[in-house]
Protein backbone atom coordinates (compact mmCIF):
# COMPACT_ATOMS: atom_id res chain seq x y z
CA MET A 1 0.00 0.00 0.00
CA ALA A 2 2.82 2.44 0.87
CA ASN A 3 4.48 1.91 -2.51
CA PHE A 4 1.16 2.43 -4.26
CA LEU A 5 0.63 5.74 -2.44
CA LEU A 6 4.16 6.92 -3.32
CA SER A 7 3.52 6.08 -6.96
CA GLN A 8 0.28 8.06 -6.87
CA VAL A 9 2.04 11.08 -5.34
CA VAL A 10 4.68 11.07 -8.11
CA GLY A 11 1.97 10.71 -10.74
CA LEU A 12 -0.03 13.59 -9.26
CA LEU A 13 3.02 15.89 -9.24
CA THR A 14 3.64 15.24 -12.93
CA LYS A 15 0.00 15.94 -13.80
CA ILE A 16 -0.33 19.26 -12.00
CA THR A 17 3.15 20.59 -12.85
CA PRO A 18 5.05 20.63 -16.16
CA LEU A 19 7.73 17.94 -16.14
CA ASP A 20 10.41 20.45 -17.16
CA PHE A 21 9.88 22.05 -13.77
CA PHE A 22 11.24 18.87 -12.19
CA HIS A 23 14.23 18.51 -14.50
CA HIS A 24 17.24 17.40 -12.45
CA ASN A 25 19.11 20.70 -12.89
CA SER A 26 16.17 23.08 -13.26
CA ILE A 27 15.46 26.01 -10.96
CA GLY A 28 12.24 24.31 -9.90
CA ALA A 29 14.05 21.12 -8.96
CA ARG A 30 16.66 23.00 -6.94
CA LEU A 31 13.96 24.92 -5.06
CA LEU A 32 11.70 21.96 -4.41
CA ARG A 33 14.30 19.27 -3.72
CA PRO A 34 15.00 20.20 -0.07
CA ILE A 35 11.27 20.45 0.68
CA ILE A 36 10.36 17.19 -1.04
CA ASN A 37 13.32 15.33 0.45
CA SER A 38 12.35 16.44 3.95
CA VAL A 39 9.03 14.57 3.73
CA LEU A 40 10.00 11.55 1.62
CA PRO A 41 11.13 8.40 3.42
CA SER A 42 14.64 7.00 2.95
CA LYS A 43 13.42 3.61 1.82
CA TRP A 44 13.35 1.34 -1.19
CA ALA A 45 10.13 1.25 -3.14
CA TRP A 46 8.84 -0.09 -6.44
CA LEU A 47 7.71 2.80 -8.62
CA LYS A 48 6.73 3.12 -12.27
CA VAL A 49 8.54 5.53 -14.58
CA VAL A 50 5.93 8.12 -15.53
CA SER A 51 7.42 9.66 -18.69
CA GLY A 52 10.08 9.23 -21.37
CA PRO A 53 11.10 6.09 -23.27
CA CYS A 54 11.06 3.98 -20.06
CA ARG A 55 7.51 5.00 -19.22
CA GLY A 56 5.57 2.20 -17.57
CA MET A 57 8.62 0.25 -16.44
CA TRP A 58 9.17 -0.60 -12.77
CA LEU A 59 12.28 0.44 -10.82
CA LEU A 60 13.25 -0.40 -7.26
CA ILE A 61 14.60 2.94 -6.12
CA ASN A 62 15.56 4.96 -3.09
CA VAL A 63 12.57 7.29 -2.97
CA LYS A 64 14.47 10.25 -1.57
CA HIS A 65 17.47 10.20 -3.90
CA ASP A 66 16.34 8.71 -7.22
CA LYS A 67 13.22 10.73 -8.10
CA SER A 68 14.56 11.93 -11.46
CA PHE A 69 14.67 8.35 -12.77
CA ILE A 70 10.97 7.94 -12.07
CA LEU A 71 10.12 11.28 -13.67
CA GLY A 72 11.98 10.23 -16.82
CA LYS A 73 14.09 13.39 -16.69
CA ARG A 74 17.47 11.84 -15.89
CA GLU A 75 20.32 12.68 -18.27
CA GLU A 76 17.94 13.28 -21.16
CA LYS A 77 20.60 14.06 -23.78
CA LEU A 78 22.34 10.77 -23.04
CA VAL A 79 19.01 8.94 -23.31
CA GLU A 80 18.32 10.66 -26.64
CA ALA A 81 21.73 9.66 -28.00
CA LEU A 82 21.26 6.02 -26.98
CA CYS A 83 17.83 5.98 -28.64
CA HIS A 84 19.48 7.28 -31.81
CA VAL A 85 22.34 4.75 -31.90
CA LEU A 86 20.78 1.49 -30.72
CA HIS A 87 18.64 -0.65 -33.00
CA PRO A 88 16.83 -3.99 -32.79
CA GLY A 89 19.27 -6.87 -32.54
CA ALA A 90 22.14 -4.78 -31.11
CA SER A 91 24.31 -5.73 -28.13
CA PHE A 92 24.58 -3.19 -25.28
CA TRP A 93 26.78 -3.19 -22.17
CA ASP A 94 25.79 -1.09 -19.16
CA ILE A 95 29.00 -0.79 -17.11
CA GLY A 96 27.96 0.66 -13.77
CA ALA A 97 24.30 -0.29 -14.06
CA TYR A 98 23.29 1.06 -10.63
CA ASN A 99 19.47 0.59 -10.42
CA GLY A 100 19.10 -0.72 -13.98
CA TYR A 101 17.43 2.33 -15.58
CA TYR A 102 19.67 2.30 -18.67
CA SER A 103 19.59 -1.47 -18.91
CA LEU A 104 15.78 -1.38 -18.99
CA LEU A 105 15.80 1.45 -21.54
CA CYS A 106 18.21 -0.34 -23.85
CA SER A 107 16.35 -3.62 -23.44
CA LYS A 108 13.44 -1.92 -25.19
CA LEU A 109 15.70 -0.40 -27.86
CA VAL A 110 17.49 -3.62 -28.85
CA GLY A 111 14.33 -5.76 -28.67
CA SER A 112 14.01 -9.50 -28.26
CA ALA A 113 16.74 -10.17 -30.82
CA GLY A 114 19.23 -7.98 -28.95
CA ARG A 115 21.15 -8.43 -25.73
CA VAL A 116 21.91 -6.25 -22.69
CA LEU A 117 24.64 -6.89 -20.12
CA ALA A 118 23.94 -5.03 -16.87
CA ILE A 119 27.35 -4.94 -15.20
CA GLU A 120 27.30 -3.81 -11.56
CA PRO A 121 29.80 -4.63 -8.77
CA VAL A 122 27.77 -3.55 -5.71
CA PRO A 123 25.80 -6.61 -4.56
CA GLU A 124 22.79 -4.57 -3.37
CA ASN A 125 22.55 -2.75 -6.70
CA ALA A 126 23.01 -5.93 -8.71
CA GLN A 127 20.15 -7.53 -6.80
CA ARG A 128 17.93 -4.53 -7.53
CA VAL A 129 18.65 -4.87 -11.25
CA ARG A 130 17.83 -8.59 -11.15
CA ALA A 131 14.58 -7.80 -9.37
CA ALA A 132 13.70 -5.13 -11.96
CA VAL A 133 14.43 -7.54 -14.81
CA GLU A 134 12.09 -10.09 -13.26
CA LYS A 135 9.33 -7.62 -12.40
CA ASN A 136 9.36 -6.15 -15.92
CA GLN A 137 9.45 -9.66 -17.41
CA LEU A 138 12.47 -8.97 -19.60
CA ASN A 139 14.31 -11.84 -21.25
CA ASN A 140 17.17 -10.04 -22.98
CA ILE A 141 19.06 -8.67 -19.93
CA GLN A 142 21.81 -10.58 -18.13
CA VAL A 143 23.17 -9.19 -14.85
CA VAL A 144 26.91 -9.62 -14.32
CA GLU A 145 28.01 -8.88 -10.75
CA VAL A 146 31.59 -7.74 -11.24
CA ALA A 147 33.72 -4.59 -11.39
CA VAL A 148 35.23 -3.82 -14.80
CA SER A 149 38.88 -2.83 -14.54
CA SER A 150 42.24 -3.06 -16.30
CA SER A 151 42.93 -6.59 -15.00
CA GLU A 152 41.31 -9.61 -13.42
CA GLY A 153 41.48 -10.03 -9.68
CA ILE A 154 39.91 -8.66 -6.51
CA THR A 155 39.44 -5.03 -5.54
CA ALA A 156 38.12 -3.16 -2.53
CA ILE A 157 34.97 -1.21 -3.20
CA LYS A 158 32.99 1.26 -1.13
CA ALA A 159 29.34 1.68 -2.07
CA TYR A 160 27.98 5.16 -1.63
CA GLY A 161 25.33 7.45 -3.05
CA ARG A 162 24.02 6.50 -6.48
CA THR A 163 26.86 4.22 -7.50
CA SER A 164 30.20 2.97 -6.24
CA ILE A 165 33.80 3.99 -5.96
CA THR A 166 36.50 1.43 -6.63
CA LYS A 167 40.02 2.23 -5.50
CA SER A 168 43.04 0.48 -4.06
CA ARG A 169 43.21 -0.27 -0.37
CA GLU A 170 45.97 2.33 -0.01
CA LEU A 171 43.73 5.08 -1.41
CA MET A 172 40.86 3.93 0.80
CA GLU A 173 43.00 3.83 3.98
CA GLY A 174 40.98 4.57 7.07
CA LEU A 175 37.73 3.28 5.51
CA ALA A 176 38.52 -0.43 5.72
CA GLU A 177 35.48 -1.16 7.85
CA ASP A 178 33.22 0.11 5.05
CA LEU A 179 34.89 -1.80 2.21
CA ILE A 180 33.80 -4.98 0.53
CA GLU A 181 35.87 -7.08 -1.82
CA VAL A 182 34.50 -7.75 -5.30
CA PRO A 183 35.92 -9.58 -8.31
CA THR A 184 37.24 -7.60 -11.25
CA THR A 185 37.36 -8.39 -14.94
CA THR A 186 38.20 -6.57 -18.16
CA MET A 187 36.25 -5.72 -21.27
CA ALA A 188 38.49 -8.13 -23.16
CA LYS A 189 37.50 -10.99 -20.84
CA LEU A 190 33.83 -10.05 -21.11
CA ILE A 191 34.10 -10.33 -24.89
CA GLU A 192 35.47 -13.86 -24.47
CA ARG A 193 32.36 -14.77 -22.43
CA PHE A 194 29.62 -12.80 -24.16
CA GLY A 195 30.89 -11.65 -27.53
CA PRO A 196 31.64 -8.04 -28.56
CA PRO A 197 29.18 -5.19 -27.88
CA ASP A 198 27.86 -2.67 -30.35
CA VAL A 199 27.42 0.05 -27.72
CA VAL A 200 28.89 0.46 -24.22
CA LYS A 201 27.80 2.90 -21.51
CA ILE A 202 30.41 3.55 -18.79
CA ASP A 203 29.56 5.29 -15.51
CA VAL A 204 32.09 4.24 -12.88
CA GLU A 205 32.62 7.37 -10.78
CA GLY A 206 36.16 8.32 -11.73
CA MET A 207 37.50 4.90 -12.74
CA GLU A 208 36.87 5.41 -16.47
CA ILE A 209 40.54 5.17 -17.48
CA ASP A 210 41.01 1.92 -15.59
CA VAL A 211 38.04 0.44 -17.49
CA LEU A 212 39.34 1.66 -20.86
CA ARG A 213 42.75 0.09 -20.23
CA GLY A 214 41.02 -3.28 -20.33
CA MET A 215 39.68 -2.78 -23.87
CA ASP A 216 40.03 -5.48 -26.49
CA PRO A 217 41.36 -4.42 -29.93
CA VAL A 218 38.39 -6.21 -31.51
CA MET A 219 36.14 -3.45 -30.14
CA ARG A 220 37.80 -1.02 -32.54
CA GLU A 221 37.61 -3.47 -35.41
CA ILE A 222 33.84 -3.93 -35.07
CA ASN A 223 33.27 -0.19 -34.44
CA SER A 224 32.02 -0.49 -30.86
CA GLN A 225 30.76 2.88 -29.67
CA PHE A 226 31.07 4.23 -26.13
CA PHE A 227 29.06 6.64 -24.04
CA ILE A 228 31.23 7.61 -21.10
CA GLU A 229 30.70 9.84 -18.10
CA PHE A 230 34.02 11.55 -17.42
CA HIS A 231 34.33 12.96 -13.93
CA SER A 232 37.06 15.48 -14.64
CA GLU A 233 38.76 17.29 -17.49
CA LYS A 234 41.96 15.42 -16.61
CA LEU A 235 40.28 12.03 -17.13
CA LEU A 236 38.82 13.21 -20.44
CA SER A 237 42.23 14.44 -21.58
CA THR A 238 43.85 11.14 -20.62
CA ALA A 239 41.21 9.22 -22.57
CA ARG A 240 41.81 11.34 -25.68
CA LYS A 241 45.52 10.49 -25.54
CA MET A 242 44.81 6.80 -24.97
CA LEU A 243 42.33 6.54 -27.84
CA PRO A 244 43.53 8.78 -30.71
CA GLN A 245 41.67 6.54 -33.18
CA TYR A 246 38.32 7.58 -31.68
CA ASP A 247 36.26 10.70 -32.26
CA PHE A 248 35.04 12.33 -29.04
CA LYS A 249 31.66 14.01 -29.45
CA PRO A 250 30.04 15.94 -26.60
CA VAL A 251 26.62 14.63 -25.61
CA ASP A 252 26.08 16.60 -22.42
CA PRO A 253 29.38 18.44 -21.88
CA PRO A 254 31.46 18.47 -19.85
CA ILE A 255 30.25 15.13 -18.44
CA HIS A 256 28.93 12.75 -21.13
CA TRP A 257 30.90 11.96 -24.29
CA TRP A 258 30.20 9.75 -27.28
CA LEU A 259 33.26 7.88 -28.57
CA SER A 260 33.16 6.33 -32.04
CA PRO A 261 36.02 4.93 -34.17
CA LYS A 262 37.35 7.35 -36.76
CA LYS A 263 36.56 6.44 -40.34
């Protein structure tokens, strides 16, 4: 009953107020966020996305922190670019799947003949994605509970906020009690298991370069395209030097970039 009431509240807000008012970075959102957050519970709840290409799909979200996913106003330019690039039958990797929003979106875009890998190292998040896949009755998503890195092994990870941070134990000194160990793999090893992807989304909170170091040359040969969230100008600059054979196109600068092999 509580989840039903929360869903009704979200639906009512979108009916009485233009959705642009609730855009993640809009003036309206910045004004209302503290007020809304003060009354919303910090709990997990099943809610339906009320607008955008994921409309009607169920997500298990943190009600206080993930409202923009439900409103369908999260990273709209990135969503638009993915809708433009993906086609029925394509293969999509979601590296840093978090709550599964992009995996669900791209499941619709690639259709029953396509395939989605939802790759998420945080066990709680991975379980949420599995639950969303089951609740939405999707057959073309496979959840892979692993951190993508430059090598295979084990790493220490600290879950926080909307995703996770993966660093060495030395960098995370003093936070050992909050760390969990998770297995790591590389994009090259994932290709061995699942075949090469057509499109890859990477959102790994500052570990983008580590992920890119684990690329397989075949990804360039088959023209795999990447949508990457770079968390600093320095990381973006490093990626440009690492991948001179790729064009870097801004999607939502300075954060989201579309990488495609040069012709």
